[in-house]
């Protein structure tokens, strides 16, 4: 997805659209951590999750579940 697609998807899921000042710094941070990769397609930059990003996501989901499983 490119940045505006990400913003649109977040708006659908959360009900509000994050600003470019929120999205692009987050994407930059994720790229620096090698969790996402970017590819230029014309003037558009498309972001994809890397293998490292998939592993980090799985780890974060496990931590979240362990932390909050008994809250409900």
Protein backbone atom coordinates (compact mmCIF):
# COMPACT_ATOMS: atom_id res chain seq x y z
CA UNK A 1 0.00 0.00 0.00
CA UNK A 2 1.03 3.59 -0.36
CA UNK A 3 0.62 6.18 2.39
CA UNK A 4 -2.84 7.39 1.38
CA UNK A 5 -4.11 3.80 1.10
CA UNK A 6 -2.84 3.16 4.62
CA UNK A 7 -4.62 6.29 5.85
CA UNK A 8 -7.87 5.18 4.17
CA UNK A 9 -7.63 1.68 5.64
CA UNK A 10 -7.02 3.07 9.12
CA UNK A 11 -9.99 5.39 8.69
CA UNK A 12 -12.21 2.42 7.76
CA UNK A 13 -11.03 0.41 10.75
CA UNK A 14 -10.87 3.16 13.39
CA UNK A 15 -13.32 5.78 12.18
CA UNK A 16 -10.82 8.62 11.90
CA UNK A 17 -8.17 9.38 9.32
CA UNK A 18 -4.62 9.89 10.59
CA UNK A 19 -2.73 12.87 9.23
CA UNK A 20 0.32 12.58 6.99
CA UNK A 21 2.29 13.95 9.97
CA UNK A 22 1.36 10.76 11.82
CA UNK A 23 1.65 8.20 9.06
CA UNK A 24 4.91 9.12 7.37
CA UNK A 25 7.06 9.35 10.52
CA UNK A 26 5.67 5.96 11.57
CA UNK A 27 6.51 4.49 8.16
CA UNK A 28 10.02 5.97 8.36
CA UNK A 29 10.53 4.37 11.77
CA UNK A 30 9.24 0.99 10.58
CA UNK A 31 11.56 1.19 7.56
CA UNK A 32 14.57 2.02 9.73
CA UNK A 33 13.77 -1.05 11.85
CA UNK A 34 13.54 -3.10 8.63
CA UNK A 35 9.91 -4.05 9.38
CA UNK A 36 8.75 -2.65 6.04
CA UNK A 37 10.34 -2.09 2.65
CA UNK A 38 9.52 0.60 0.16
CA UNK A 39 9.45 0.49 -3.61
CA UNK A 40 8.95 3.43 -5.94
CA UNK A 41 6.24 2.96 -8.53
CA UNK A 42 6.37 6.12 -10.61
CA UNK A 43 5.89 8.99 -8.18
CA UNK A 44 4.27 6.72 -5.58
CA UNK A 45 6.09 4.82 -2.84
CA UNK A 46 4.54 1.45 -2.02
CA UNK A 47 5.24 -0.16 1.34
CA UNK A 48 5.31 -3.91 2.05
CA UNK A 49 5.93 -5.82 5.24
CA UNK A 50 9.26 -7.68 5.43
CA UNK A 51 9.96 -11.05 7.00
CA UNK A 52 11.40 -9.19 10.01
CA UNK A 53 8.20 -7.17 10.19
CA UNK A 54 6.04 -10.30 10.10
CA UNK A 55 8.07 -11.83 12.93
CA UNK A 56 7.88 -8.62 14.99
CA UNK A 57 4.10 -8.53 14.48
CA UNK A 58 3.73 -12.14 15.62
CA UNK A 59 5.86 -11.44 18.70
CA UNK A 60 3.84 -8.31 19.53
CA UNK A 61 0.56 -10.25 19.22
CA UNK A 62 1.86 -12.92 21.59
CA UNK A 63 2.95 -10.33 24.15
CA UNK A 64 -0.40 -8.56 23.85
CA UNK A 65 -2.35 -11.78 24.37
CA UNK A 66 -0.23 -12.83 27.36
CA UNK A 67 -0.66 -9.40 28.90
CA UNK A 68 -4.40 -8.98 28.38
CA UNK A 69 -5.81 -12.53 28.22
CA UNK A 70 -7.19 -12.37 31.77
CA UNK A 71 -8.53 -8.82 31.59
CA UNK A 72 -11.89 -9.81 30.12
